[in-house]
Protein backbone atom coordinates (compact mmCIF):
# COMPACT_ATOMS: atom_id res chain seq x y z
CA MET A 1 -12.23 11.11 8.74
CA GLU A 2 -12.42 10.22 4.74
CA LYS A 3 -10.45 13.36 3.99
CA ASN A 4 -7.64 12.00 6.34
CA LEU A 5 -6.87 9.17 4.80
CA LYS A 6 -7.04 10.33 1.50
CA THR A 7 -4.33 12.76 2.70
CA VAL A 8 -2.15 9.69 3.70
CA ILE A 9 -3.12 7.48 0.57
CA ASN A 10 -1.98 10.71 -1.65
CA LYS A 11 1.26 10.91 0.53
CA ILE A 12 2.27 6.98 0.35
CA SER A 13 2.01 7.59 -3.55
CA GLU A 14 3.66 10.91 -3.79
CA THR A 15 6.22 9.27 -1.75
CA TYR A 16 6.80 6.60 -3.91
CA LYS A 17 5.86 7.06 -7.25
CA ASP A 18 9.38 6.94 -8.77
CA SER A 19 9.71 3.57 -7.13
CA ILE A 20 5.92 1.60 -8.75
CA LEU A 21 5.38 -0.37 -10.77
CA GLU A 22 1.78 -1.00 -11.71
CA ASN A 23 2.43 -4.62 -12.13
CA SER A 24 5.96 -6.07 -10.29
CA ARG A 25 6.04 -8.65 -7.69
CA TYR A 26 8.30 -7.56 -6.05
CA TYR A 27 6.62 -4.74 -3.23
CA ARG A 28 7.60 -3.03 -0.07
CA GLU A 29 5.03 -2.62 2.69
CA ILE A 30 4.34 0.95 3.97
CA ASN A 31 2.51 1.17 7.32
CA ILE A 32 -0.87 3.47 7.16
CA GLY A 33 -0.52 4.08 10.62
CA HIS A 34 2.31 5.45 10.98
CA MET A 35 1.76 7.68 8.01
CA ALA A 36 -0.96 8.73 9.33
CA GLU A 37 1.25 9.75 12.49
CA THR A 38 3.33 11.39 10.70
CA LEU A 39 1.01 13.68 9.08
CA GLY A 40 -0.45 14.11 12.68
CA PHE A 41 -3.88 12.49 12.21
CA ALA A 42 -3.35 10.62 15.48
CA ASP A 43 -7.20 8.52 15.36
CA LEU A 44 -5.96 7.15 12.19
CA LYS A 45 -2.46 5.97 13.70
CA GLU A 46 -5.09 4.43 15.91
CA LYS A 47 -7.09 2.85 13.72
CA PHE A 48 -4.78 1.68 11.08
CA ASN A 49 -1.43 0.69 12.87
CA HIS A 50 -1.30 -2.66 11.54
CA VAL A 51 -2.51 -2.06 8.16
CA GLN A 52 0.15 -2.57 5.59
CA ALA A 53 0.02 -0.80 1.57
CA ILE A 54 1.01 -2.19 -0.58
CA VAL A 55 4.09 -0.98 -2.82
CA PRO A 56 4.39 -2.69 -6.54
CA LEU A 57 8.89 -1.60 -7.49
CA LYS A 58 9.85 -1.29 -10.08
CA ASN A 59 12.88 -2.96 -9.01
CA PRO A 60 13.73 -5.16 -5.92
CA VAL A 61 15.78 -3.26 -3.48
CA SER A 62 18.73 -4.75 -2.16
CA GLY A 63 18.13 -6.52 1.99
CA MET A 64 15.58 -8.81 3.35
CA LYS A 65 13.12 -10.61 0.61
CA VAL A 66 10.89 -13.08 1.19
CA LEU A 67 8.37 -14.75 -0.81
CA ILE A 68 4.50 -14.50 0.04
CA ASP A 69 1.32 -16.04 -1.84
CA GLY A 70 -0.35 -13.77 -3.95
CA ARG A 71 -3.62 -14.71 -3.01
CA THR A 72 -2.56 -13.38 0.32
CA PHE A 73 -4.03 -9.93 -1.09
CA VAL A 74 -7.43 -10.91 -1.67
CA ASP A 75 -10.09 -8.22 -1.85
CA TYR A 76 -7.29 -5.63 -2.26
CA ALA A 77 -7.88 -2.77 -4.40
CA GLN A 78 -5.65 -0.75 -6.47
CA TYR A 79 -4.85 3.25 -7.04
CA GLU A 80 -4.01 4.65 -10.13
CA SER A 81 -0.84 5.40 -8.50
CA GLY A 82 -0.38 1.64 -8.49
CA ILE A 83 -0.28 1.35 -4.48
CA ALA A 84 -2.76 -1.20 -3.25
CA VAL A 85 -4.72 -1.47 -0.03
CA PRO A 86 -6.54 -3.80 2.10
CA GLY A 87 -10.99 -3.61 -0.10
CA TYR A 88 -12.44 -1.90 3.28
CA ILE A 89 -9.84 1.18 3.21
CA ALA A 90 -10.36 1.64 -0.17
CA ARG A 91 -13.84 2.34 0.17
CA GLU A 92 -13.51 4.09 3.27
CA SER A 93 -11.20 6.58 1.44
CA GLY A 94 -13.43 6.95 -1.28
CA LEU A 95 -10.44 7.17 -3.75
CA PRO A 96 -11.13 5.36 -7.17
CA TYR A 97 -9.52 2.11 -7.66
CA LYS A 98 -9.84 -1.48 -9.30
CA THR A 99 -9.04 -4.86 -8.14
CA TYR A 100 -5.84 -5.34 -7.54
CA MET A 101 -4.46 -8.30 -9.69
CA PRO A 102 -1.06 -9.98 -7.63
CA ASP A 103 1.02 -12.31 -9.13
CA ASP A 104 0.72 -16.03 -7.74
CA SER A 105 4.25 -15.63 -5.61
CA MET A 106 5.08 -12.07 -4.64
CA ILE A 107 8.51 -11.08 -3.58
CA LEU A 108 8.12 -8.61 -0.55
CA ASN A 109 11.45 -6.28 -0.31
CA PHE A 110 12.70 -4.96 3.37
CA ALA A 111 14.29 -1.94 3.10
């Protein structure tokens, strides 16, 4: 399962690589379970269906935006690509990461 989770995380990173700015306060959420299902990992879809990866954005996108308290992201980890995930996902994936340091207030972009 660790290998499949790595594949999902890497796919999210690759898909959004041109939009990522590591320390941005603007972000969008990508459902890890949905991405796993897209890649054919049904077991991961069930397990991570309600888990979101954070993709910090270079620029805000058009559409609805919501102000989120940065403390929401306690125990989140950030990969070299810039995306962030809950700490337990990072530990389970086996990929190298650092502690995610969000702004005091973050802006969730719905696209």
